[in-house]
N, C-alpha and C. Protein backbone atom coordinates (compact mmCIF):
# COMPACT_ATOMS: atom_id res chain seq x y z
N MET A 1 7.61 -102.39 -6.42
CA MET A 1 8.13 -101.12 -5.96
C MET A 1 9.65 -101.15 -6.05
N SER A 2 10.24 -100.14 -6.61
CA SER A 2 11.69 -100.12 -6.75
C SER A 2 12.33 -99.49 -5.52
N PHE A 3 13.64 -99.68 -5.40
CA PHE A 3 14.37 -99.11 -4.28
C PHE A 3 14.38 -97.59 -4.36
N THR A 4 14.36 -96.96 -3.21
CA THR A 4 14.52 -95.51 -3.17
C THR A 4 16.00 -95.19 -3.41
N ASN A 5 16.30 -93.93 -3.69
CA ASN A 5 17.70 -93.54 -3.85
C ASN A 5 18.50 -93.80 -2.58
N ALA A 6 17.89 -93.55 -1.43
CA ALA A 6 18.58 -93.78 -0.15
C ALA A 6 18.89 -95.26 0.03
N GLU A 7 17.96 -96.14 -0.34
CA GLU A 7 18.21 -97.58 -0.24
C GLU A 7 19.32 -98.00 -1.19
N LYS A 8 19.34 -97.43 -2.38
CA LYS A 8 20.41 -97.75 -3.34
C LYS A 8 21.76 -97.31 -2.81
N VAL A 9 21.80 -96.14 -2.18
CA VAL A 9 23.05 -95.66 -1.57
C VAL A 9 23.52 -96.67 -0.53
N ASP A 10 22.61 -97.12 0.33
CA ASP A 10 22.97 -98.09 1.37
C ASP A 10 23.41 -99.41 0.76
N ILE A 11 22.75 -99.88 -0.26
CA ILE A 11 23.13 -101.15 -0.90
C ILE A 11 24.54 -101.02 -1.48
N ARG A 12 24.80 -99.95 -2.23
CA ARG A 12 26.15 -99.75 -2.80
C ARG A 12 27.19 -99.71 -1.68
N ARG A 13 26.90 -98.93 -0.67
CA ARG A 13 27.84 -98.74 0.45
C ARG A 13 28.11 -100.06 1.17
N HIS A 14 27.05 -100.80 1.47
CA HIS A 14 27.22 -102.07 2.17
C HIS A 14 27.94 -103.10 1.31
N CYS A 15 27.75 -103.03 0.00
CA CYS A 15 28.42 -103.97 -0.90
C CYS A 15 29.87 -103.55 -1.18
N GLY A 16 30.27 -102.39 -0.68
CA GLY A 16 31.65 -101.95 -0.83
C GLY A 16 31.93 -101.18 -2.11
N TYR A 17 30.89 -100.68 -2.76
CA TYR A 17 31.07 -99.93 -4.00
C TYR A 17 31.05 -98.43 -3.72
N PRO A 18 31.78 -97.64 -4.51
CA PRO A 18 31.82 -96.20 -4.28
C PRO A 18 30.50 -95.55 -4.63
N MET A 19 30.39 -94.29 -4.24
CA MET A 19 29.16 -93.56 -4.51
C MET A 19 28.92 -93.44 -6.01
N PHE A 20 27.66 -93.31 -6.36
CA PHE A 20 27.24 -93.23 -7.75
C PHE A 20 27.39 -91.82 -8.29
N GLY A 21 27.04 -90.83 -7.49
CA GLY A 21 27.09 -89.45 -7.93
C GLY A 21 25.82 -89.06 -8.67
N GLY A 22 25.69 -87.78 -8.95
CA GLY A 22 24.50 -87.28 -9.60
C GLY A 22 24.44 -87.56 -11.09
N VAL A 23 25.58 -87.50 -11.75
CA VAL A 23 25.63 -87.70 -13.19
C VAL A 23 26.79 -88.63 -13.52
N PRO A 24 26.51 -89.82 -14.10
CA PRO A 24 27.59 -90.75 -14.45
C PRO A 24 28.32 -90.28 -15.70
N SER A 25 29.23 -89.30 -15.55
CA SER A 25 29.84 -88.70 -16.72
C SER A 25 31.36 -88.86 -16.80
N SER A 26 31.98 -89.36 -15.77
CA SER A 26 33.44 -89.47 -15.78
C SER A 26 33.87 -90.92 -15.96
N PHE A 27 35.18 -91.13 -16.02
CA PHE A 27 35.70 -92.47 -16.17
C PHE A 27 35.44 -93.32 -14.93
N GLN A 28 35.05 -92.73 -13.82
CA GLN A 28 34.74 -93.46 -12.60
C GLN A 28 33.34 -94.06 -12.63
N SER A 29 32.60 -93.79 -13.68
CA SER A 29 31.22 -94.23 -13.80
C SER A 29 31.10 -95.74 -13.78
N TYR A 30 29.92 -96.23 -13.38
CA TYR A 30 29.66 -97.66 -13.37
C TYR A 30 29.82 -98.29 -14.75
N ARG A 31 29.73 -97.45 -15.80
CA ARG A 31 29.84 -97.99 -17.16
C ARG A 31 31.22 -98.59 -17.42
N PHE A 32 32.21 -98.24 -16.63
CA PHE A 32 33.56 -98.73 -16.84
C PHE A 32 33.93 -99.90 -15.94
N PHE A 33 33.02 -100.32 -15.09
CA PHE A 33 33.29 -101.42 -14.17
C PHE A 33 32.15 -102.42 -14.26
N THR A 34 32.44 -103.61 -14.74
CA THR A 34 31.41 -104.62 -14.98
C THR A 34 30.60 -104.93 -13.73
N ALA A 35 31.29 -105.18 -12.61
CA ALA A 35 30.57 -105.56 -11.38
C ALA A 35 29.66 -104.43 -10.90
N TYR A 36 30.12 -103.18 -11.02
CA TYR A 36 29.32 -102.04 -10.59
C TYR A 36 28.08 -101.92 -11.49
N GLY A 37 28.27 -102.10 -12.79
CA GLY A 37 27.14 -102.08 -13.71
C GLY A 37 26.15 -103.19 -13.43
N THR A 38 26.67 -104.36 -13.07
CA THR A 38 25.80 -105.49 -12.71
C THR A 38 25.00 -105.15 -11.47
N LEU A 39 25.64 -104.55 -10.49
CA LEU A 39 24.93 -104.15 -9.26
C LEU A 39 23.81 -103.17 -9.60
N GLU A 40 24.11 -102.16 -10.40
CA GLU A 40 23.09 -101.17 -10.77
C GLU A 40 21.94 -101.84 -11.51
N TYR A 41 22.25 -102.71 -12.44
CA TYR A 41 21.22 -103.41 -13.21
C TYR A 41 20.33 -104.24 -12.29
N ARG A 42 20.95 -104.98 -11.39
CA ARG A 42 20.17 -105.86 -10.51
C ARG A 42 19.33 -105.07 -9.52
N MET A 43 19.85 -103.95 -9.02
CA MET A 43 19.04 -103.12 -8.11
C MET A 43 17.80 -102.59 -8.83
N ASN A 44 17.93 -102.29 -10.11
CA ASN A 44 16.82 -101.71 -10.88
C ASN A 44 15.89 -102.75 -11.47
N ASN A 45 16.23 -104.05 -11.38
CA ASN A 45 15.44 -105.07 -12.04
C ASN A 45 15.09 -106.27 -11.16
N MET A 46 15.05 -106.09 -9.85
CA MET A 46 14.70 -107.18 -8.94
C MET A 46 13.20 -107.40 -8.93
N LEU A 47 12.83 -108.63 -8.64
CA LEU A 47 11.44 -108.94 -8.37
C LEU A 47 11.04 -108.25 -7.05
N ALA A 48 9.77 -107.99 -6.88
CA ALA A 48 9.30 -107.37 -5.64
C ALA A 48 9.68 -108.22 -4.43
N GLU A 49 9.61 -109.53 -4.58
CA GLU A 49 9.95 -110.44 -3.48
C GLU A 49 11.44 -110.36 -3.14
N GLU A 50 12.28 -110.19 -4.15
CA GLU A 50 13.72 -110.06 -3.91
C GLU A 50 14.02 -108.73 -3.22
N GLU A 51 13.35 -107.68 -3.66
CA GLU A 51 13.51 -106.38 -2.99
C GLU A 51 13.11 -106.47 -1.52
N ALA A 52 12.05 -107.21 -1.25
CA ALA A 52 11.59 -107.37 0.14
C ALA A 52 12.65 -108.05 0.99
N VAL A 53 13.32 -109.05 0.44
CA VAL A 53 14.40 -109.73 1.17
C VAL A 53 15.53 -108.76 1.45
N VAL A 54 15.93 -107.98 0.45
CA VAL A 54 17.01 -107.01 0.65
C VAL A 54 16.62 -106.00 1.71
N ARG A 55 15.40 -105.49 1.65
CA ARG A 55 14.95 -104.48 2.62
C ARG A 55 14.85 -105.04 4.04
N THR A 56 14.12 -106.14 4.18
CA THR A 56 13.79 -106.63 5.53
C THR A 56 14.89 -107.48 6.16
N THR A 57 15.60 -108.24 5.36
CA THR A 57 16.64 -109.11 5.92
C THR A 57 17.99 -108.41 5.96
N TYR A 58 18.40 -107.83 4.84
CA TYR A 58 19.75 -107.28 4.77
C TYR A 58 19.85 -105.84 5.25
N LEU A 59 19.12 -104.92 4.65
CA LEU A 59 19.27 -103.51 5.03
C LEU A 59 18.91 -103.26 6.49
N ALA A 60 17.85 -103.86 6.96
CA ALA A 60 17.45 -103.67 8.36
C ALA A 60 18.52 -104.18 9.31
N ASN A 61 19.03 -105.38 9.08
CA ASN A 61 20.05 -105.94 9.97
C ASN A 61 21.39 -105.25 9.82
N LEU A 62 21.76 -104.87 8.59
CA LEU A 62 23.03 -104.19 8.40
C LEU A 62 23.05 -102.83 9.10
N THR A 63 21.94 -102.14 9.10
CA THR A 63 21.87 -100.86 9.81
C THR A 63 22.09 -101.07 11.30
N THR A 64 21.46 -102.09 11.86
CA THR A 64 21.61 -102.40 13.28
C THR A 64 23.06 -102.79 13.59
N LEU A 65 23.63 -103.65 12.77
CA LEU A 65 25.01 -104.10 12.99
C LEU A 65 26.00 -102.95 12.85
N GLU A 66 25.79 -102.09 11.86
CA GLU A 66 26.70 -100.98 11.63
C GLU A 66 26.70 -100.00 12.79
N THR A 67 25.53 -99.67 13.32
CA THR A 67 25.48 -98.71 14.43
C THR A 67 25.97 -99.32 15.74
N ALA A 68 25.98 -100.64 15.85
CA ALA A 68 26.46 -101.28 17.08
C ALA A 68 27.98 -101.19 17.21
N ILE A 69 28.69 -101.04 16.10
CA ILE A 69 30.15 -100.99 16.16
C ILE A 69 30.63 -99.75 16.90
N PRO A 70 30.21 -98.54 16.50
CA PRO A 70 30.66 -97.37 17.27
C PRO A 70 30.12 -97.36 18.70
N ALA A 71 28.92 -97.91 18.89
CA ALA A 71 28.33 -97.95 20.23
C ALA A 71 29.17 -98.82 21.17
N ALA A 72 29.87 -99.81 20.61
CA ALA A 72 30.71 -100.68 21.44
C ALA A 72 31.87 -99.91 22.05
N GLY A 73 32.18 -98.76 21.49
CA GLY A 73 33.26 -97.94 22.03
C GLY A 73 33.00 -97.47 23.45
N ALA A 74 31.75 -97.47 23.87
CA ALA A 74 31.43 -97.05 25.24
C ALA A 74 31.99 -98.01 26.27
N ASN A 75 32.28 -99.24 25.86
CA ASN A 75 32.80 -100.24 26.80
C ASN A 75 34.31 -100.39 26.74
N LEU A 76 34.99 -99.62 25.94
CA LEU A 76 36.43 -99.80 25.77
C LEU A 76 37.24 -99.42 27.00
N ASP A 77 36.66 -98.64 27.88
CA ASP A 77 37.41 -98.21 29.06
C ASP A 77 37.29 -99.17 30.23
N THR A 78 36.44 -100.20 30.12
CA THR A 78 36.23 -101.13 31.22
C THR A 78 36.73 -102.51 30.82
N ASP A 79 37.65 -103.06 31.61
CA ASP A 79 38.12 -104.41 31.32
C ASP A 79 37.36 -105.41 32.16
N GLN A 80 37.05 -105.03 33.41
CA GLN A 80 36.30 -105.93 34.27
C GLN A 80 35.59 -105.10 35.33
N ALA A 81 34.32 -105.41 35.58
CA ALA A 81 33.54 -104.72 36.60
C ALA A 81 32.71 -105.75 37.33
N ALA A 82 32.95 -105.90 38.62
CA ALA A 82 32.26 -106.90 39.44
C ALA A 82 32.39 -108.26 38.75
N VAL A 83 31.27 -108.91 38.47
CA VAL A 83 31.34 -110.23 37.82
C VAL A 83 31.32 -110.11 36.29
N TRP A 84 31.04 -108.89 35.80
CA TRP A 84 30.99 -108.69 34.36
C TRP A 84 32.39 -108.49 33.82
N THR A 85 32.74 -109.19 32.76
CA THR A 85 34.04 -109.03 32.12
C THR A 85 33.82 -108.61 30.68
N HIS A 86 34.47 -107.55 30.30
CA HIS A 86 34.34 -106.99 28.95
C HIS A 86 35.01 -107.89 27.92
N ASN A 87 34.37 -108.06 26.78
CA ASN A 87 34.96 -108.78 25.66
C ASN A 87 35.96 -107.84 24.99
N LYS A 88 37.24 -108.12 25.13
CA LYS A 88 38.28 -107.24 24.59
C LYS A 88 38.23 -107.18 23.06
N ASN A 89 37.59 -108.15 22.45
CA ASN A 89 37.51 -108.21 20.99
C ASN A 89 36.14 -107.78 20.48
N GLU A 90 35.37 -107.08 21.30
CA GLU A 90 33.99 -106.75 20.91
C GLU A 90 33.92 -105.96 19.61
N VAL A 91 34.72 -104.91 19.48
CA VAL A 91 34.67 -104.10 18.27
C VAL A 91 35.06 -104.94 17.06
N ARG A 92 36.13 -105.70 17.18
CA ARG A 92 36.57 -106.56 16.08
C ARG A 92 35.50 -107.60 15.74
N ASP A 93 34.92 -108.22 16.75
CA ASP A 93 33.88 -109.23 16.52
C ASP A 93 32.65 -108.63 15.84
N ARG A 94 32.27 -107.43 16.27
CA ARG A 94 31.11 -106.77 15.66
C ARG A 94 31.42 -106.40 14.21
N ALA A 95 32.62 -105.89 13.94
CA ALA A 95 33.01 -105.53 12.57
C ALA A 95 33.06 -106.78 11.68
N THR A 96 33.55 -107.88 12.22
CA THR A 96 33.59 -109.13 11.46
C THR A 96 32.19 -109.60 11.11
N LEU A 97 31.27 -109.54 12.07
CA LEU A 97 29.89 -109.94 11.81
C LEU A 97 29.23 -109.00 10.79
N PHE A 98 29.47 -107.70 10.93
CA PHE A 98 28.94 -106.72 9.98
C PHE A 98 29.44 -107.02 8.57
N ASN A 99 30.74 -107.26 8.43
CA ASN A 99 31.30 -107.54 7.11
C ASN A 99 30.81 -108.86 6.54
N LYS A 100 30.53 -109.83 7.39
CA LYS A 100 29.95 -111.10 6.93
C LYS A 100 28.58 -110.85 6.31
N TRP A 101 27.76 -110.05 6.99
CA TRP A 101 26.44 -109.73 6.46
C TRP A 101 26.55 -108.94 5.16
N ARG A 102 27.55 -108.05 5.06
CA ARG A 102 27.76 -107.30 3.82
C ARG A 102 28.09 -108.25 2.67
N ARG A 103 28.95 -109.23 2.94
CA ARG A 103 29.30 -110.21 1.90
C ARG A 103 28.10 -111.08 1.54
N ASP A 104 27.29 -111.40 2.53
CA ASP A 104 26.06 -112.17 2.26
C ASP A 104 25.12 -111.39 1.34
N LEU A 105 25.02 -110.07 1.55
CA LEU A 105 24.20 -109.23 0.67
C LEU A 105 24.74 -109.29 -0.75
N CYS A 106 26.06 -109.16 -0.91
CA CYS A 106 26.67 -109.25 -2.24
C CYS A 106 26.34 -110.59 -2.89
N SER A 107 26.45 -111.64 -2.11
CA SER A 107 26.16 -112.98 -2.63
C SER A 107 24.71 -113.09 -3.06
N PHE A 108 23.79 -112.56 -2.26
CA PHE A 108 22.37 -112.62 -2.61
C PHE A 108 22.10 -111.87 -3.91
N ILE A 109 22.70 -110.69 -4.04
CA ILE A 109 22.49 -109.89 -5.25
C ILE A 109 23.23 -110.50 -6.44
N GLY A 110 24.31 -111.21 -6.17
CA GLY A 110 25.05 -111.85 -7.25
C GLY A 110 26.17 -111.00 -7.82
N VAL A 111 26.79 -110.20 -6.95
CA VAL A 111 27.92 -109.37 -7.38
C VAL A 111 29.09 -109.63 -6.43
N PRO A 112 30.32 -109.46 -6.93
CA PRO A 112 31.46 -109.61 -6.03
C PRO A 112 31.52 -108.44 -5.06
N PRO A 113 32.09 -108.64 -3.89
CA PRO A 113 32.27 -107.52 -2.97
C PRO A 113 33.05 -106.41 -3.66
N GLY A 114 32.66 -105.18 -3.43
CA GLY A 114 33.33 -104.04 -4.06
C GLY A 114 34.66 -103.73 -3.41
N PRO A 115 35.37 -102.75 -3.97
CA PRO A 115 36.69 -102.38 -3.46
C PRO A 115 36.69 -101.98 -1.98
N GLY A 116 35.60 -101.40 -1.51
CA GLY A 116 35.50 -101.00 -0.11
C GLY A 116 35.30 -102.16 0.84
N LEU A 117 35.12 -103.35 0.28
CA LEU A 117 34.92 -104.55 1.10
C LEU A 117 36.02 -105.57 0.80
N GLY A 118 37.09 -105.10 0.18
CA GLY A 118 38.22 -105.98 -0.10
C GLY A 118 37.99 -106.89 -1.30
N GLY A 119 37.18 -106.46 -2.23
CA GLY A 119 36.95 -107.25 -3.43
C GLY A 119 36.76 -106.34 -4.61
N GLY A 120 36.20 -106.85 -5.65
CA GLY A 120 35.89 -106.04 -6.82
C GLY A 120 36.99 -106.05 -7.84
N GLU A 121 36.74 -105.39 -8.93
CA GLU A 121 37.67 -105.35 -10.05
C GLU A 121 38.90 -104.55 -9.68
N GLY A 122 40.05 -105.06 -10.07
CA GLY A 122 41.28 -104.33 -9.85
C GLY A 122 41.84 -104.49 -8.45
N SER A 123 41.25 -105.32 -7.63
CA SER A 123 41.78 -105.50 -6.29
C SER A 123 42.70 -106.70 -6.26
N VAL A 124 43.55 -106.73 -5.27
CA VAL A 124 44.48 -107.83 -5.09
C VAL A 124 44.18 -108.46 -3.76
N GLN A 125 44.05 -109.79 -3.75
CA GLN A 125 43.81 -110.49 -2.50
C GLN A 125 44.91 -111.52 -2.31
N LEU A 126 45.41 -111.63 -1.10
CA LEU A 126 46.42 -112.60 -0.77
C LEU A 126 45.76 -113.73 -0.01
N VAL A 127 45.90 -114.94 -0.51
CA VAL A 127 45.34 -116.10 0.14
C VAL A 127 46.50 -116.91 0.71
N VAL A 128 46.46 -117.15 2.01
CA VAL A 128 47.55 -117.85 2.67
C VAL A 128 47.06 -119.21 3.11
């Protein structure tokens, strides 16, 4: 069974690649970016077992992690209540964990993180 269009949108988004669009007709098309083309090829040619891993391990967990980040905003107004102490870095920690899982998905698929994840073709990274 192949991925649905919605699953492909989520995979591209989580891997940091821009939207595909309805018709690949401009210079922004995946045809002009090797990594994007590789992602499209691999999404369309995975084994059923590989698709199952992407669906059950990555997409399911990434959805949970992604929605937890904005939900953490409910605790931003409380620094300490009774014996409970708020983690001041909760949003940052959740975003870091989310991005780690996104990079793990890229690694599993075998593509570099896209521009939306601080990687991909044409990006500049500073290593200190």
